[in-house]
Amino acid sequence: MRVLVVTTVHTPLDARIHHRQIRSLVGAGAEVTYAAPWSATGTDPAAVLPGVRTIDLPRSVGRRRLASLLAARRLVRAAGRGCFDVVVLHDPELVLGVVGRLRRLPPVVLDVHEDLVGSLPDRPWVPAPARPAVARLGHLLERWAERRLHLLLAEHAYRQRFSRPHPVVPNVPWLPQAEPPPAGSADRVVYVGRVSRFRGAHELLALGERLRAEAGPRLEVVGQADRDVEPLLRSATDRGDLVWHGYLPNDRALAVVRGSVAGLSLLHDVPNYRGSMPTKVVEYLSVGVPAVTTPLPAAAELVEASGGGLVVPFGDVEAVLAAVRELAADRARCAALGAAGRAYVAAHHSWNAVGPRFVAELQRWAGTGAAA
């Protein structure tokens, strides 16, 4: 099976795209071509999995999206049936690149990573007055894609946005084969993911300051920051309130998590997160680290069912601080919670089981044409 994978938004070593989906495809013997913003993100194509062919695209950042969209459109439109058996798109705007071309293309799959409309409040580059129009465009894109493309959904909750059933491929991590060190063996707490206002940036900043003042575990933050948050993170780093690693590939990010006292997920109660499972929570548990999470339904249910962490109120820094103190003060309990979470993820939420289903869906669609 020959697969073309395309993104202009995500970093090339994105956890879902590269570390999970492409790794599964390569493992199943597929020939993968990966078009992504290598140069724009400063990512060396040599870091890609062996055997994967790479193509460089401009990156879509904020409102600067036209050049990358046009470049991706030219690439996809040249990808005739003789070149590939299936095309996988990872950004909703890339749907515009296949309009009017589907009869000449192999089957096209849109991997739906997030709630496009629900995420608008967390997109500061979209002016508030323009959001209703952008939301309408998002609905139109999704309706057209459902009629003409194949859809993969990253969340069960996304099914309610569509009129027909579509396969769900949850964004869950590989379960490491090697046993991780016990939680609490390193004196740090960790946050992994994009750092933005609605993802708890200001709570992280306040927490780091409090932990430093009382000589508690060190806060380490892994992930890209929004423009309005980046200078605040740099100042906090200069003061010694926290360590900010910036973006790290998934395997290196999880290396920072291993052995920590806790992994933090302080997402706010906004539509884009309300129906989703925060991948970071599953990742923390997968390496045996307790999660401290806000009470979004899926995250709270996972933590409570697994016995792998603690739930804190939205926006409550004092409660987060108390949870970290509690785990740091009793390292044996911290390790026990981490072990319970890892066992639960192994049984219910690992890519080891999901990956083969993902490959099987693409194999089923390859050569079948558009989903008309």
Protein backbone atom coordinates (compact mmCIF):
# COMPACT_ATOMS: atom_id res chain seq x y z
CA MET A 1 0.00 0.00 0.00
CA ARG A 2 1.40 3.39 -1.07
CA VAL A 3 0.33 6.19 1.27
CA LEU A 4 0.72 9.97 0.98
CA VAL A 5 0.46 11.73 4.36
CA VAL A 6 0.04 15.52 4.32
CA THR A 7 0.09 18.26 6.97
CA THR A 8 1.02 21.93 6.90
CA VAL A 9 -0.08 22.71 10.47
CA HIS A 10 1.50 20.04 12.65
CA THR A 11 5.17 19.60 13.43
CA PRO A 12 6.59 16.76 11.30
CA LEU A 13 7.34 14.60 14.34
CA ASP A 14 3.80 15.01 15.69
CA ALA A 15 2.91 12.18 18.05
CA ARG A 16 -0.28 11.04 16.31
CA ILE A 17 0.95 11.43 12.75
CA HIS A 18 4.57 10.31 12.90
CA HIS A 19 5.06 8.30 16.08
CA ARG A 20 1.76 6.42 15.87
CA GLN A 21 0.18 6.32 12.42
CA ILE A 22 3.28 6.38 10.21
CA ARG A 23 5.11 3.99 12.52
CA SER A 24 2.19 1.55 12.23
CA LEU A 25 2.09 1.90 8.44
CA VAL A 26 5.84 1.29 8.09
CA GLY A 27 5.56 -1.69 10.43
CA ALA A 28 2.84 -3.13 8.18
CA GLY A 29 5.04 -2.80 5.10
CA ALA A 30 3.43 0.30 3.55
CA GLU A 31 5.39 2.72 1.35
CA VAL A 32 4.91 6.11 3.01
CA THR A 33 5.54 9.58 1.57
CA TYR A 34 5.28 12.27 4.23
CA ALA A 35 4.70 15.90 3.18
CA ALA A 36 5.15 18.28 6.10
CA PRO A 37 6.78 21.61 7.07
CA TRP A 38 10.29 20.27 7.66
CA SER A 39 12.29 23.44 6.92
CA ALA A 40 9.77 25.81 8.51
CA THR A 41 9.95 23.95 11.82
CA GLY A 42 13.70 23.35 11.71
CA THR A 43 13.15 19.58 11.69
CA ASP A 44 15.77 17.39 10.03
CA PRO A 45 14.08 14.94 7.62
CA ALA A 46 16.69 12.41 8.72
CA ALA A 47 14.70 12.14 11.97
CA VAL A 48 11.83 10.45 10.11
CA LEU A 49 11.35 6.71 10.41
CA PRO A 50 13.59 4.69 8.07
CA GLY A 51 12.15 4.11 4.61
CA VAL A 52 9.78 7.10 4.69
CA ARG A 53 10.16 9.54 1.79
CA THR A 54 9.79 13.21 2.79
CA ILE A 55 8.51 16.28 0.95
CA ASP A 56 8.95 19.79 2.35
CA LEU A 57 5.94 22.15 2.54
CA PRO A 58 5.52 25.68 3.94
CA ARG A 59 3.89 25.84 7.36
CA SER A 60 0.48 27.24 8.20
CA VAL A 61 0.88 29.57 11.18
CA GLY A 62 -1.84 31.89 12.45
CA ARG A 63 -3.33 33.78 9.52
CA ARG A 64 -0.42 32.92 7.23
CA ARG A 65 -1.95 29.91 5.50
CA LEU A 66 -2.42 30.69 1.81
CA ALA A 67 1.08 29.77 0.59
CA SER A 68 1.09 26.45 2.45
CA LEU A 69 -2.44 25.63 1.28
CA LEU A 70 -1.54 26.30 -2.35
CA ALA A 71 1.65 24.23 -2.09
CA ALA A 72 -0.25 21.31 -0.54
CA ARG A 73 -2.97 21.68 -3.19
CA ARG A 74 -0.41 21.38 -6.01
CA LEU A 75 1.15 18.34 -4.36
CA VAL A 76 -2.13 16.51 -3.73
CA ARG A 77 -3.53 17.29 -7.17
CA ALA A 78 -0.43 15.72 -8.72
CA ALA A 79 -0.93 12.58 -6.64
CA GLY A 80 -2.83 10.52 -9.16
CA ARG A 81 -3.95 6.94 -8.75
CA GLY A 82 -0.75 5.69 -10.35
CA CYS A 83 1.36 7.26 -7.59
CA PHE A 84 -0.50 6.40 -4.38
CA ASP A 85 -3.22 4.06 -3.16
CA VAL A 86 -4.54 6.45 -0.49
CA VAL A 87 -3.98 10.05 0.66
CA VAL A 88 -4.31 11.01 4.34
CA LEU A 89 -4.94 14.69 5.18
CA HIS A 90 -4.36 15.95 8.72
CA ASP A 91 -5.57 19.57 8.47
CA PRO A 92 -9.20 20.46 7.71
CA GLU A 93 -8.31 23.31 5.32
CA LEU A 94 -6.47 20.81 3.10
CA VAL A 95 -9.90 19.59 2.04
CA LEU A 96 -9.97 22.67 -0.20
CA GLY A 97 -7.05 21.21 -2.13
CA VAL A 98 -9.02 18.19 -3.36
CA VAL A 99 -12.25 19.92 -4.35
CA GLY A 100 -12.95 19.25 -8.03
CA ARG A 101 -10.15 16.70 -8.29
CA LEU A 102 -11.45 13.59 -6.52
CA ARG A 103 -12.13 11.54 -9.66
CA ARG A 104 -8.44 11.70 -10.57
CA LEU A 105 -7.17 10.99 -7.07
CA PRO A 106 -6.84 7.82 -5.02
CA PRO A 107 -9.15 7.60 -1.99
CA VAL A 108 -8.69 10.63 0.28
CA VAL A 109 -8.95 10.31 4.08
CA LEU A 110 -9.43 13.24 6.48
CA ASP A 111 -8.13 12.47 9.96
CA VAL A 112 -10.30 14.56 12.29
CA HIS A 113 -8.02 15.49 15.20
CA GLU A 114 -10.16 18.08 16.97
CA ASP A 115 -13.43 19.97 17.15
CA LEU A 116 -12.74 22.57 14.46
CA VAL A 117 -15.51 24.94 15.51
CA GLY A 118 -15.15 24.34 19.24
CA SER A 119 -11.45 25.18 19.07
CA LEU A 120 -11.98 28.74 17.78
CA PRO A 121 -11.90 30.41 21.25
CA ASP A 122 -8.42 28.92 21.68
CA ARG A 123 -7.22 30.39 18.36
CA PRO A 124 -6.18 33.98 19.22
CA TRP A 125 -5.27 34.65 15.58
CA VAL A 126 -8.96 34.36 14.61
CA PRO A 127 -10.56 37.75 15.46
CA ALA A 128 -13.65 37.39 17.64
CA PRO A 129 -15.94 39.18 15.09
CA ALA A 130 -14.84 36.71 12.40
CA ARG A 131 -15.46 33.56 14.42
CA PRO A 132 -19.13 33.08 13.40
CA ALA A 133 -18.16 33.18 9.72
CA VAL A 134 -15.18 30.86 10.30
CA ALA A 135 -17.47 28.49 12.21
CA ARG A 136 -19.91 28.39 9.29
CA LEU A 137 -17.05 27.66 6.90
CA GLY A 138 -15.88 24.89 9.22
CA HIS A 139 -19.34 23.29 9.20
CA LEU A 140 -19.47 23.48 5.40
CA LEU A 141 -16.03 21.88 5.08
CA GLU A 142 -16.99 19.03 7.39
CA ARG A 143 -20.31 18.40 5.61
CA TRP A 144 -18.58 18.33 2.21
CA ALA A 145 -15.82 16.07 3.51
CA GLU A 146 -18.33 13.64 4.98
CA ARG A 147 -20.08 13.32 1.62
CA ARG A 148 -16.97 12.97 -0.52
CA LEU A 149 -14.06 11.70 1.59
CA HIS A 150 -13.37 8.95 4.10
CA LEU A 151 -13.20 10.16 7.71
CA LEU A 152 -11.23 8.92 10.69
CA LEU A 153 -12.19 10.38 14.08
CA ALA A 154 -9.77 10.78 16.97
CA GLU A 155 -12.59 10.91 19.56
CA HIS A 156 -15.84 9.01 20.03
CA ALA A 157 -17.49 12.33 20.94
CA TYR A 158 -16.82 13.65 17.42
CA ARG A 159 -19.44 11.27 16.03
CA GLN A 160 -22.21 13.67 17.05
CA ARG A 161 -20.91 16.24 14.53
CA PHE A 162 -21.55 13.92 11.59
CA SER A 163 -24.64 12.32 10.10
CA ARG A 164 -23.08 8.93 9.36
CA PRO A 165 -20.93 6.55 11.42
CA HIS A 166 -17.17 6.79 10.90
CA PRO A 167 -14.36 4.70 12.39
CA VAL A 168 -12.79 6.06 15.55
CA VAL A 169 -9.01 5.78 15.94
CA PRO A 170 -8.32 7.18 19.43
CA ASN A 171 -5.19 9.25 19.94
CA VAL A 172 -3.63 6.99 22.55
CA PRO A 173 0.08 6.25 23.11
CA TRP A 174 2.18 3.20 22.48
CA LEU A 175 2.71 1.32 25.73
CA PRO A 176 6.48 1.20 26.34
CA GLN A 177 7.80 -2.34 26.68
CA ALA A 178 10.44 -1.40 29.23
CA GLU A 179 9.16 -0.91 32.75
CA PRO A 180 9.43 2.80 33.61
CA PRO A 181 11.03 4.05 36.86
CA PRO A 182 8.55 4.45 39.73
CA ALA A 183 6.66 7.73 39.88
CA GLY A 184 8.23 10.12 42.35
CA SER A 185 11.77 8.89 41.79
CA ALA A 186 12.48 12.28 40.16
CA ASP A 187 11.66 15.50 42.05
CA ARG A 188 9.65 17.21 39.31
CA VAL A 189 6.14 17.68 37.99
CA VAL A 190 5.60 17.93 34.24
CA TYR A 191 3.23 19.44 31.70
CA VAL A 192 3.37 18.23 28.07
CA GLY A 193 1.52 19.92 25.21
CA ARG A 194 0.78 23.25 23.62
CA VAL A 195 0.93 26.03 26.20
CA SER A 196 -2.00 28.41 25.85
CA ARG A 197 -4.47 30.32 27.97
CA PHE A 198 -7.23 27.70 27.70
CA ARG A 199 -4.75 24.89 28.33
CA GLY A 200 -3.86 26.30 31.73
CA ALA A 201 -0.83 28.48 30.96
CA HIS A 202 -1.52 30.99 33.72
CA GLU A 203 -2.15 28.24 36.27
CA LEU A 204 1.18 26.65 35.32
CA LEU A 205 2.99 29.95 35.77
CA ALA A 206 1.44 30.49 39.21
CA LEU A 207 2.14 26.90 40.22
CA GLY A 208 5.79 27.13 39.23
CA GLU A 209 6.24 30.26 41.34
CA ARG A 210 4.60 28.63 44.38
CA LEU A 211 6.62 25.42 44.07
CA ARG A 212 9.89 27.33 43.85
CA ALA A 213 8.98 29.45 46.88
CA GLU A 214 8.38 26.40 49.06
CA ALA A 215 11.22 24.28 47.59
CA GLY A 216 8.76 21.75 46.20
CA PRO A 217 9.21 19.58 43.11
CA ARG A 218 10.46 21.50 40.06
CA LEU A 219 7.90 22.29 37.34
CA GLU A 220 9.03 21.34 33.83
CA VAL A 221 7.01 22.38 30.76
CA VAL A 222 7.35 20.64 27.39
CA GLY A 223 5.65 22.15 24.36
CA GLN A 224 5.26 25.11 22.05
CA ALA A 225 3.72 28.25 23.52
CA ASP A 226 1.26 30.68 21.99
CA ARG A 227 2.69 34.11 21.22
CA ASP A 228 0.96 35.80 24.16
CA VAL A 229 2.28 33.16 26.57
CA GLU A 230 5.84 32.76 25.30
CA PRO A 231 7.33 35.89 26.96
CA LEU A 232 5.70 34.93 30.27
CA LEU A 233 7.29 31.48 30.09
CA ARG A 234 10.69 32.98 29.31
CA SER A 235 10.43 35.34 32.28
CA ALA A 236 9.38 32.48 34.58
CA THR A 237 12.35 30.45 33.33
CA ASP A 238 14.72 33.36 34.02
CA ARG A 239 13.37 33.64 37.58
CA GLY A 240 13.84 29.92 38.14
CA ASP A 241 10.11 29.27 38.59
CA LEU A 242 10.13 26.48 36.01
CA VAL A 243 12.09 24.79 33.23
CA TRP A 244 10.66 25.27 29.73
CA HIS A 245 11.98 22.74 27.20
CA GLY A 246 9.97 24.04 24.23
CA TYR A 247 8.77 21.47 21.72
CA LEU A 248 10.27 17.99 21.98
CA PRO A 249 9.44 14.94 19.85
CA ASN A 250 7.10 12.55 21.62
CA ASP A 251 9.72 10.05 22.73
CA ARG A 252 11.91 12.78 24.25
CA ALA A 253 8.91 14.46 25.89
CA LEU A 254 7.92 11.21 27.58
CA ALA A 255 11.51 10.74 28.74
CA VAL A 256 11.03 13.96 30.75
CA VAL A 257 7.76 12.62 32.18
CA ARG A 258 9.11 9.26 33.37
CA GLY A 259 9.69 9.10 37.11
CA SER A 260 7.97 12.44 37.80
CA VAL A 261 5.77 13.10 40.81
CA ALA A 262 2.83 14.03 38.55
CA GLY A 263 1.81 14.92 35.01
CA LEU A 264 -0.46 17.97 34.75
CA SER A 265 -3.50 18.53 32.53
CA LEU A 266 -5.11 21.85 33.47
CA LEU A 267 -7.38 22.34 30.46
CA HIS A 268 -10.30 24.74 30.81
CA ASP A 269 -13.97 23.91 30.36
CA VAL A 270 -14.34 24.99 26.71
CA PRO A 271 -16.23 23.16 23.93
CA ASN A 272 -13.12 21.82 22.17
CA TYR A 273 -12.01 19.96 25.31
CA ARG A 274 -15.35 19.10 26.87
CA GLY A 275 -15.95 16.01 24.74
CA SER A 276 -12.33 14.96 24.30
CA MET A 277 -9.86 12.74 26.09
CA PRO A 278 -6.68 14.78 26.70
CA THR A 279 -3.96 12.62 25.16
CA LYS A 280 -1.46 13.91 27.71
CA VAL A 281 -3.41 12.25 30.53
CA VAL A 282 -3.19 8.85 28.82
CA GLU A 283 0.50 9.43 28.06
CA TYR A 284 1.30 10.23 31.69
CA LEU A 285 -0.40 7.04 32.84
CA SER A 286 1.28 5.00 30.10
CA VAL A 287 4.71 5.71 31.62
CA GLY A 288 3.50 5.13 35.17
CA VAL A 289 3.12 8.74 36.33
CA PRO A 290 -0.05 9.92 38.18
CA ALA A 291 -2.13 12.53 36.36
CA VAL A 292 -3.47 15.66 38.02
CA THR A 293 -6.32 16.80 35.79
CA THR A 294 -9.20 19.24 35.69
CA PRO A 295 -12.66 17.61 35.71
CA LEU A 296 -13.29 17.33 31.99
CA PRO A 297 -15.59 14.30 31.71
CA ALA A 298 -13.35 11.87 29.81
CA ALA A 299 -10.21 12.77 31.76
CA ALA A 300 -11.93 12.56 35.15
CA GLU A 301 -13.54 9.25 34.22
CA LEU A 302 -10.16 7.79 33.18
CA VAL A 303 -8.37 8.94 36.33
CA GLU A 304 -11.15 7.67 38.58
CA ALA A 305 -11.56 4.33 36.77
CA SER A 306 -7.84 3.66 36.72
CA GLY A 307 -7.04 4.98 40.18
CA GLY A 308 -4.15 6.70 38.46
CA GLY A 309 -4.30 10.26 39.70
CA LEU A 310 -6.22 13.16 41.18
CA VAL A 311 -8.93 15.51 39.87
CA VAL A 312 -8.85 19.24 40.70
CA PRO A 313 -11.32 22.06 39.98
CA PHE A 314 -10.95 24.28 36.92
CA GLY A 315 -8.61 27.21 37.42
CA ASP A 316 -7.82 26.35 41.04
CA VAL A 317 -4.07 26.75 41.55
CA GLU A 318 -4.37 26.07 45.28
CA ALA A 319 -5.99 22.70 44.57
CA VAL A 320 -3.26 21.80 42.05
CA LEU A 321 -0.60 22.79 44.56
CA ALA A 322 -2.28 20.68 47.25
CA ALA A 323 -2.40 17.66 44.91
CA VAL A 324 1.30 18.01 44.08
CA ARG A 325 2.16 18.37 47.79
CA GLU A 326 0.12 15.27 48.58
CA LEU A 327 1.90 13.13 45.99
CA ALA A 328 5.36 14.52 46.81
CA ALA A 329 4.88 13.85 50.52
CA ASP A 330 3.98 10.18 50.03
CA ARG A 331 6.22 8.79 47.29
CA ALA A 332 5.02 5.22 47.90
CA ARG A 333 1.42 6.24 47.19
CA CYS A 334 2.62 8.28 44.22
CA ALA A 335 4.31 5.18 42.75
CA ALA A 336 1.23 3.04 43.45
CA LEU A 337 -1.07 5.47 41.62
CA GLY A 338 1.31 5.54 38.69
CA ALA A 339 1.46 1.75 38.50
CA ALA A 340 -2.34 1.49 38.63
CA GLY A 341 -2.70 4.02 35.81
CA ARG A 342 -0.17 2.20 33.64
CA ALA A 343 -1.92 -1.15 34.13
CA TYR A 344 -5.26 0.39 33.17
CA VAL A 345 -3.87 2.01 30.01
CA ALA A 346 -2.24 -1.30 29.04
CA ALA A 347 -5.62 -2.98 29.24
CA HIS A 348 -7.81 -0.29 27.67
CA HIS A 349 -6.02 2.62 25.98
CA SER A 350 -2.83 1.69 24.12
CA TRP A 351 -1.88 2.29 20.46
CA ASN A 352 -0.50 -1.25 20.46
CA ALA A 353 -4.11 -2.38 19.96
CA VAL A 354 -5.39 0.63 18.00
CA GLY A 355 -2.56 0.78 15.43
CA PRO A 356 -3.51 -2.39 13.54
CA ARG A 357 -7.12 -1.15 13.28
CA PHE A 358 -5.89 2.11 11.76
CA VAL A 359 -3.82 0.27 9.14
CA ALA A 360 -6.75 -2.04 8.37
CA GLU A 361 -9.06 0.93 7.69
CA LEU A 362 -6.61 2.42 5.17
CA GLN A 363 -6.14 -0.96 3.53
CA ARG A 364 -9.91 -1.31 3.24
CA TRP A 365 -10.27 2.08 1.60
CA ALA A 366 -7.25 1.85 -0.70
CA GLY A 367 -8.45 1.52 -4.29
CA THR A 368 -12.15 2.01 -3.49
CA GLY A 369 -12.44 5.65 -4.68
CA ALA A 370 -14.23 8.57 -3.04
CA ALA A 371 -16.85 7.99 -0.36
CA ALA A 372 -19.72 9.25 -2.51
